[in-house]
Structures are given as structure tokens and as C-alpha cells.
Amino acid sequence: MAKFKNKYRIESTRLKNWDYSRQAAYFITICTANREHFFGKTENEEIILSLIGSIVEQEWIKTPDIRPDMNLELGEFVVMPNHFHGIIFIGNNEFNSDRDAMCRDAMHGVSTNGIYKNEFGPQSKNLSSILRGFKSAVTIQARKINPEFGWQSRFHDQIIRNTKSFDAISQYIIDNPKKWVDDEFNK
């Protein structure tokens, strides 16, 4: 574990040398704090969303409309009792086009050999900023219903690299409610 200002800190789970504003499909998972069941329950292998779960669903659906400049599309997604899975596509846009790559890389500390290096600092117009905005919008509304609501501070992501992986992840999301009884998140 690395130290920052002589204190331990958790290393980033993001893929090193990957620019998360890049055009790609991403599979994301976000959990509630302490895996509390804020989003609903399962009955007969189907999700019955709570009011907070419905807010999560509505905010996710609005994500591309809120950020039209990022050329976003949504794939499969599911709101589970204590977590959320989704696929999001970041399309080619003014923030990740080849024309702007050299300027963006220079601002983010690319080495002279041209390899992109993730830098700790403000995140905008990338996957982290999308999810930060999503989580914030949900939190503001959810705390009006339940002041105890919260998210885990991080999220899990996977860059989807091919059609086979995309199909498998899509099916995993679709099947998630049917497998809830045995799910690692069901505690």
C-alpha cells in the first residue's frame, strides 16, 4: 500500500495507462454503503424497486441527456437491492478525439514517450465524472427519503474489449435478479 503525505492510502483500481475519457464500453458496479438494501427487494427472481431504487433507475436513464457533449449511450443495466450494474458507452466526442489528444495528454502529464499516465487530480469529462454526477444526483434525492442513504466511495469498472465479453456481461446483468439468492452482494 502506498503512502501519501506519510499516510497509507488505497491504490487506484483504475487500469494504468488508460484514459477513461476514451471511446469505449464500460461495465460498472456501484454498491451502497455497507451494502444496505436501499434500492428494493427481490420477489420471484424479479426486482421490486423502492422509491430510492426508482430514483437510481431514473437518474441512470437521464445520464446521456444530461451530458450530450460526451456522446453517451446506455447498454443493459439493473438496479439490485444494494448495488447497481450498468454498461455505458462513451462515444467519440470533443473531449476524446484524436485532434485533442495531444492537448489533453499534455495537461495530464504524459511522459515524453507518448504513453498516457493517469494522474491524481480533478476528473472531468470521463467515466469517473459521469459516475460522480450520477451518484450525487441520486444521493441528494435519496437523503430526502432516508437520511442514512449512502454509496460506497468507489466503483468497480471493467473496460469491455470485444463482442464476446460484451455479450457475456450483458447476460450477467440480465440474469442478476434471478441469481440474487446466491449473490455475493446479498448479505
Protein backbone atom coordinates (compact mmCIF):
# COMPACT_ATOMS: atom_id res chain seq x y z
CA MET A 1 0.00 0.00 0.00
CA ALA A 2 1.39 3.40 -0.97
CA LYS A 3 1.75 6.40 1.28
CA PHE A 4 0.66 9.94 0.55
CA LYS A 5 1.81 12.67 2.95
CA ASN A 6 3.16 9.84 5.14
CA LYS A 7 -0.30 8.22 5.44
CA TYR A 8 -1.48 5.00 3.87
CA ARG A 9 -3.91 5.33 1.02
CA ILE A 10 -5.73 2.84 -1.13
CA GLU A 11 -4.23 2.40 -4.59
CA SER A 12 -6.46 3.18 -7.55
CA THR A 13 -8.25 0.25 -9.12
CA ARG A 14 -8.31 2.04 -12.48
CA LEU A 15 -6.30 0.49 -15.30
CA LYS A 16 -2.94 2.19 -15.51
CA ASN A 17 -2.18 3.89 -18.82
CA TRP A 18 -5.86 4.02 -19.79
CA ASP A 19 -7.56 7.35 -20.42
CA TYR A 20 -11.09 6.92 -19.03
CA SER A 21 -12.43 9.60 -21.35
CA ARG A 22 -11.63 7.30 -24.29
CA GLN A 23 -14.26 5.99 -26.61
CA ALA A 24 -15.16 2.58 -25.15
CA ALA A 25 -17.81 0.45 -23.48
CA TYR A 26 -17.52 0.18 -19.71
CA PHE A 27 -19.17 -2.24 -17.28
CA ILE A 28 -19.65 -0.60 -13.91
CA THR A 29 -20.81 -1.74 -10.49
CA ILE A 30 -21.65 0.66 -7.68
CA CYS A 31 -22.60 -0.54 -4.18
CA THR A 32 -24.43 1.17 -1.36
CA ALA A 33 -22.55 1.96 1.83
CA ASN A 34 -22.27 -1.17 3.97
CA ARG A 35 -24.29 -2.92 1.25
CA GLU A 36 -27.52 -1.72 2.82
CA HIS A 37 -30.66 -2.68 0.89
CA PHE A 38 -31.88 0.80 -0.06
CA PHE A 39 -32.99 0.00 -3.61
CA GLY A 40 -35.70 -2.60 -3.10
CA LYS A 41 -36.08 -6.34 -2.79
CA THR A 42 -36.41 -9.43 -4.94
CA GLU A 43 -39.55 -11.48 -5.27
CA ASN A 44 -39.87 -14.46 -7.59
CA GLU A 45 -36.48 -13.63 -9.14
CA GLU A 46 -37.60 -10.09 -10.03
CA ILE A 47 -36.61 -6.75 -8.55
CA ILE A 48 -39.28 -4.71 -6.79
CA LEU A 49 -37.75 -1.24 -6.61
CA SER A 50 -38.17 1.01 -3.62
CA LEU A 51 -38.64 4.74 -4.13
CA ILE A 52 -34.86 5.18 -3.89
CA GLY A 53 -34.34 2.31 -6.36
CA SER A 54 -36.66 4.08 -8.79
CA ILE A 55 -34.60 7.25 -8.40
CA VAL A 56 -31.44 5.27 -9.29
CA GLU A 57 -33.14 3.92 -12.41
CA GLN A 58 -34.44 7.34 -13.49
CA GLU A 59 -31.12 9.10 -12.93
CA TRP A 60 -29.24 6.44 -14.91
CA ILE A 61 -31.66 6.73 -17.83
CA LYS A 62 -31.18 10.54 -17.82
CA THR A 63 -27.37 10.29 -17.88
CA PRO A 64 -26.87 10.61 -21.69
CA ASP A 65 -29.33 13.53 -21.88
CA ILE A 66 -27.57 15.38 -19.06
CA ARG A 67 -24.20 15.03 -20.82
CA PRO A 68 -24.97 15.33 -24.56
CA ASP A 69 -21.48 16.65 -25.29
CA MET A 70 -19.96 13.30 -24.26
CA ASN A 71 -21.88 11.18 -26.80
CA LEU A 72 -23.02 8.58 -24.22
CA GLU A 73 -25.18 5.52 -24.76
CA LEU A 74 -26.50 3.06 -22.20
CA GLY A 75 -26.41 -0.70 -22.50
CA GLU A 76 -28.04 -3.20 -20.16
CA PHE A 77 -28.40 -2.15 -16.54
CA VAL A 78 -30.08 -3.39 -13.39
CA VAL A 79 -30.82 -1.87 -10.02
CA MET A 80 -30.40 -4.54 -7.34
CA PRO A 81 -31.32 -4.19 -3.64
CA ASN A 82 -27.87 -2.88 -2.66
CA HIS A 83 -25.94 -2.32 -5.86
CA PHE A 84 -26.20 -1.22 -9.45
CA HIS A 85 -24.73 -2.78 -12.60
CA GLY A 86 -24.64 -0.99 -15.93
CA ILE A 87 -22.93 -0.74 -19.27
CA ILE A 88 -22.16 2.72 -20.57
CA PHE A 89 -20.60 3.66 -23.90
CA ILE A 90 -18.51 6.79 -24.17
CA GLY A 91 -18.54 7.74 -27.83
CA ASN A 92 -16.19 9.89 -29.83
CA ASN A 93 -16.56 13.48 -28.69
CA GLU A 94 -14.67 16.76 -28.49
CA PHE A 95 -13.02 15.66 -25.21
CA ASN A 96 -11.52 12.42 -26.51
CA SER A 97 -10.96 12.95 -30.22
CA ASP A 98 -7.52 12.40 -31.71
CA ARG A 99 -7.37 16.07 -32.60
CA ASP A 100 -7.48 17.00 -28.90
CA ALA A 101 -5.43 14.05 -27.61
CA MET A 102 -2.11 15.87 -27.56
CA CYS A 103 -3.53 18.83 -25.65
CA ARG A 104 -5.33 16.60 -23.15
CA ASP A 105 -2.28 14.40 -22.65
CA ALA A 106 -0.02 17.39 -22.10
CA MET A 107 -2.35 18.66 -19.39
CA HIS A 108 -2.40 15.26 -17.66
CA GLY A 109 1.30 14.55 -17.55
CA VAL A 110 2.12 12.20 -20.38
CA SER A 111 5.69 11.05 -20.48
CA THR A 112 7.83 12.03 -23.43
CA ASN A 113 7.46 8.57 -24.97
CA GLY A 114 3.75 9.30 -25.54
CA ILE A 115 2.30 6.77 -23.07
CA TYR A 116 -0.70 8.12 -21.22
CA LYS A 117 -0.32 8.10 -17.45
CA ASN A 118 -3.28 8.55 -15.10
CA GLU A 119 -2.68 11.43 -12.75
CA PHE A 120 -4.30 12.08 -9.41
CA GLY A 121 -6.32 15.25 -9.71
CA PRO A 122 -9.58 16.72 -10.92
CA GLN A 123 -11.57 14.42 -13.16
CA SER A 124 -13.88 15.79 -15.83
CA LYS A 125 -15.49 14.50 -18.99
CA ASN A 126 -14.56 10.89 -18.21
CA LEU A 127 -16.07 7.79 -16.58
CA SER A 128 -15.33 8.97 -13.03
CA SER A 129 -17.02 12.32 -13.60
CA ILE A 130 -20.09 10.62 -15.08
CA LEU A 131 -20.44 8.32 -12.09
CA ARG A 132 -19.71 11.09 -9.59
CA GLY A 133 -22.57 13.14 -11.07
CA PHE A 134 -24.89 10.13 -11.12
CA LYS A 135 -24.16 9.21 -7.50
CA SER A 136 -24.53 12.83 -6.40
CA ALA A 137 -27.92 13.25 -8.09
CA VAL A 138 -29.21 10.03 -6.51
CA THR A 139 -27.83 10.93 -3.08
CA ILE A 140 -29.47 14.35 -2.99
CA GLN A 141 -32.90 12.85 -3.71
CA ALA A 142 -32.43 9.67 -1.66
CA ARG A 143 -31.47 11.51 1.53
CA LYS A 144 -34.81 13.32 1.43
CA ILE A 145 -36.39 9.87 1.76
CA ASN A 146 -33.80 8.24 4.02
CA PRO A 147 -31.10 10.46 5.59
CA GLU A 148 -28.96 7.34 6.17
CA PHE A 149 -28.54 6.67 2.45
CA GLY A 150 -25.01 6.49 1.10
CA TRP A 151 -22.81 4.90 -1.53
CA GLN A 152 -19.50 3.14 -1.17
CA SER A 153 -16.86 5.68 -2.05
CA ARG A 154 -15.55 3.76 -5.05
CA PHE A 155 -16.94 1.87 -8.00
CA HIS A 156 -15.79 -1.15 -9.96
CA ASP A 157 -15.23 -0.84 -13.68
CA GLN A 158 -14.25 -3.13 -16.50
CA ILE A 159 -13.36 -2.00 -19.98
CA ILE A 160 -15.33 -4.16 -22.42
CA ARG A 161 -12.88 -5.12 -25.14
CA ASN A 162 -14.80 -7.37 -27.52
CA THR A 163 -18.22 -8.65 -28.55
CA LYS A 164 -17.91 -11.93 -26.65
CA SER A 165 -17.19 -10.06 -23.41
CA PHE A 166 -19.97 -7.56 -24.13
CA ASP A 167 -22.50 -10.37 -24.67
CA ALA A 168 -21.42 -12.22 -21.51
CA ILE A 169 -21.61 -9.07 -19.36
CA SER A 170 -24.99 -8.12 -20.82
CA GLN A 171 -26.34 -11.57 -19.99
CA TYR A 172 -24.85 -11.38 -16.48
CA ILE A 173 -26.74 -8.11 -15.90
CA ILE A 174 -29.99 -9.55 -17.26
CA ASP A 175 -29.65 -12.68 -15.07
CA ASN A 176 -28.61 -10.83 -11.92
CA PRO A 177 -32.10 -10.72 -10.32
CA LYS A 178 -32.56 -14.47 -10.89
CA LYS A 179 -29.28 -15.19 -9.08
CA TRP A 180 -29.82 -12.80 -6.17
CA VAL A 181 -30.28 -15.57 -3.59
CA ASP A 182 -26.69 -16.73 -4.18
CA ASP A 183 -25.20 -13.28 -4.97
CA GLU A 184 -22.09 -12.21 -3.05
CA PHE A 185 -23.74 -8.80 -2.52
CA ASN A 186 -26.79 -10.39 -0.83
CA LYS A 187 -25.84 -10.18 2.83
